[in-house]
Protein backbone atom coordinates (compact mmCIF):
# COMPACT_ATOMS: atom_id res chain seq x y z
CA MET A 1 -11.94 -7.50 10.02
CA THR A 2 -8.26 -7.67 11.27
CA SER A 3 -7.95 -8.49 15.25
CA PHE A 4 -5.01 -6.15 15.42
CA GLN A 5 -5.28 -3.56 17.80
CA PRO A 6 -3.30 -0.25 16.80
CA ARG A 7 -0.88 1.62 19.58
CA ASP A 8 -2.70 5.35 18.79
CA PRO A 9 -6.50 5.22 19.15
CA ASP A 10 -6.37 8.20 16.10
CA TRP A 11 -4.93 5.80 13.88
CA GLU A 12 -6.77 6.54 10.85
CA PRO A 13 -7.05 10.81 10.39
CA ARG A 14 -3.03 10.26 11.15
CA VAL A 15 -2.89 7.80 8.20
CA ARG A 16 -4.85 9.72 5.71
CA ALA A 17 -2.73 13.02 6.58
CA SER A 18 0.02 10.96 5.80
CA PHE A 19 -0.94 9.93 2.62
CA ALA A 20 -2.13 13.26 2.07
CA ARG A 21 1.16 14.64 2.08
CA GLN A 22 2.69 11.91 -0.48
CA ALA A 23 3.04 14.10 -3.66
CA PHE A 24 4.18 10.92 -5.53
CA MET A 25 0.50 9.39 -4.40
CA ARG A 26 -0.72 12.36 -5.84
CA LEU A 27 1.15 12.03 -9.06
CA LEU A 28 0.02 9.15 -9.97
CA GLY A 29 -3.52 9.46 -8.79
CA ILE A 30 -3.21 6.69 -6.25
CA GLU A 31 -6.31 6.99 -3.61
CA ILE A 32 -7.12 5.14 0.04
CA SER A 33 -9.79 2.85 -1.19
CA HIS A 34 -10.12 0.92 2.15
CA ALA A 35 -8.82 1.99 5.69
CA ALA A 36 -8.86 -0.83 8.93
CA PRO A 37 -6.31 -1.81 11.80
CA GLY A 38 -3.53 -3.32 9.85
CA GLU A 39 -5.22 -3.16 6.14
CA ILE A 40 -4.90 -0.48 4.03
CA ASP A 41 -6.23 -0.88 0.17
CA LEU A 42 -4.83 1.46 -2.55
CA SER A 43 -6.65 2.34 -5.91
CA MET A 44 -5.47 3.72 -9.10
CA ALA A 45 -7.06 4.62 -12.20
CA TYR A 46 -5.78 3.64 -15.67
CA ALA A 47 -3.92 6.53 -17.41
CA PRO A 48 -1.64 5.96 -20.62
CA ASP A 49 0.47 7.90 -18.86
CA LEU A 50 1.40 5.33 -16.39
CA THR A 51 1.88 2.24 -18.70
CA GLN A 52 4.43 0.68 -20.31
CA GLN A 53 5.23 -0.16 -24.21
CA HIS A 54 2.44 -2.68 -24.41
CA GLY A 55 -0.21 -0.74 -22.66
CA PHE A 56 0.18 -2.77 -19.78
CA PHE A 57 0.61 -0.71 -15.68
CA HIS A 58 3.81 -0.13 -15.98
CA ALA A 59 5.66 -2.52 -13.75
CA GLY A 60 7.01 1.02 -11.38
CA ALA A 61 3.28 1.80 -11.13
CA THR A 62 2.54 -1.77 -9.68
CA THR A 63 5.71 -1.68 -7.13
CA SER A 64 4.66 1.65 -5.75
CA ILE A 65 1.00 1.19 -4.93
CA ALA A 66 2.01 -2.14 -3.21
CA ASP A 67 4.59 -1.18 -1.27
CA SER A 68 2.60 2.09 0.16
CA ALA A 69 -0.20 -0.31 0.70
CA ALA A 70 1.59 -2.82 2.58
CA GLY A 71 3.74 0.90 4.46
CA TYR A 72 0.41 2.29 5.60
CA ALA A 73 -1.20 -1.05 7.08
CA ALA A 74 2.15 -0.84 9.08
CA LEU A 75 1.55 2.50 10.18
CA SER A 76 -1.52 1.98 11.13
CA LEU A 77 -0.49 -0.22 14.14
CA TYR A 78 2.22 2.15 15.15
CA PRO A 79 2.15 4.43 18.15
CA LYS A 80 1.45 8.59 17.70
CA GLY A 81 4.99 9.86 16.88
CA THR A 82 6.38 7.43 14.91
CA GLY A 83 7.11 6.99 11.09
CA VAL A 84 7.46 4.35 8.34
CA LEU A 85 10.04 3.48 5.77
CA THR A 86 10.19 0.68 3.91
CA THR A 87 13.42 -1.13 4.77
CA GLU A 88 13.12 -4.58 2.65
CA PHE A 89 10.56 -6.26 -0.43
CA LYS A 90 9.99 -8.58 -3.17
CA ILE A 91 7.24 -8.54 -5.30
CA ASN A 92 6.04 -11.26 -7.93
CA LEU A 93 4.20 -9.82 -10.80
CA ILE A 94 2.50 -12.80 -11.81
CA ASN A 95 -0.15 -11.83 -14.42
CA PRO A 96 0.06 -8.52 -17.16
CA ALA A 97 -1.23 -5.20 -15.09
CA ARG A 98 -4.40 -4.00 -16.70
CA GLY A 99 -7.57 -3.13 -16.23
CA GLU A 100 -9.51 -0.14 -15.17
CA ARG A 101 -8.00 0.48 -12.29
CA LEU A 102 -5.38 -1.87 -9.88
CA VAL A 103 -6.12 -1.86 -6.23
CA ALA A 104 -3.43 -2.98 -4.28
CA ARG A 105 -4.00 -4.30 -0.83
CA GLY A 106 -1.82 -4.31 2.20
CA ARG A 107 -1.81 -6.64 5.10
CA VAL A 108 0.18 -6.74 8.26
CA VAL A 109 1.17 -10.11 8.26
CA LYS A 110 3.22 -9.65 11.55
CA PRO A 111 3.59 -6.74 14.26
CA GLY A 112 6.15 -5.66 15.56
CA ARG A 113 7.83 -3.21 18.12
CA THR A 114 10.94 -2.45 15.12
CA LEU A 115 10.48 -4.59 12.67
CA THR A 116 6.83 -5.38 10.61
CA VAL A 117 6.14 -7.73 8.15
CA CYS A 118 3.38 -6.83 5.13
CA ARG A 119 1.74 -8.46 2.47
CA SER A 120 0.61 -6.76 -0.36
CA ASP A 121 -1.99 -8.40 -3.16
CA VAL A 122 -2.29 -6.15 -6.52
CA TYR A 123 -5.42 -6.77 -8.62
CA GLY A 124 -6.62 -5.07 -12.61
CA ILE A 125 -10.06 -3.92 -12.09
CA GLU A 126 -11.43 -4.53 -15.43
CA ALA A 127 -15.49 -3.97 -14.86
CA GLU A 128 -16.13 -6.77 -12.02
CA ARG A 129 -13.92 -8.86 -12.91
CA GLU A 130 -10.27 -8.97 -10.74
CA THR A 131 -7.00 -10.33 -11.82
CA HIS A 132 -4.47 -11.21 -9.51
CA VAL A 133 -1.34 -9.28 -10.89
CA ALA A 134 1.51 -9.06 -8.23
CA THR A 135 2.60 -10.13 -4.28
CA ALA A 136 4.88 -8.68 -2.44
CA LEU A 137 6.83 -9.39 0.90
CA LEU A 138 7.69 -6.36 2.82
CA SER A 139 9.87 -5.72 6.04
CA MET A 140 8.30 -1.82 7.36
CA ILE A 141 10.60 -0.15 10.35
CA CYS A 142 9.21 1.71 12.76
CA LEU A 143 11.05 5.16 13.57
CA GLU A 144 10.59 7.14 16.21
CA GLY A 145 10.65 10.78 16.32
CA LEU A 146 9.73 10.91 12.57
CA ASP A 147 6.10 11.58 12.98
CA ASP A 148 4.29 10.87 9.58
C-alpha cells in the first residue's frame, strides 16, 4: 500500500468512470485489476490481433497498457475537476512480451501539483510465472477543467 493521500476522497469511482470512457482500452480488452492511491494495475488478455509477426504482444500494445496504468495512477491523486494527459515517456522493452496476459503496474514516483512522475512495469503472465517485459518512466500533467 502507498502512503500517498488522494486530493479527492472519491478518487476511485472517478478513475473507474474515466477508464470506462476510454474506447481504446475497450478495443484492446484492458481492465483495471488493482486500484489504490498512486497505484493502478491494468490487465490485457492475449489475443492474436494484439501481436506482431512473431506472435509476441506488439510493442504498441505493451506501450499503451504501460502509459494508461501510469496515467490512472497519477489521476488517482489529482483533485476533482481535473484530468490527466501524458507529457513525456520513455520505455525500455526488455523481454519479448508473451503470455496469457500482460499486467502493467503503474506507480506514482513523485506527485506534483502540475507534473507527476510515474513508473510503469509490464509483466507477461503465463500460469503463475511473471516475466518482466517493459519498464517505462512517464510524466503526467494535471489539467484543470478537463474533468476526467
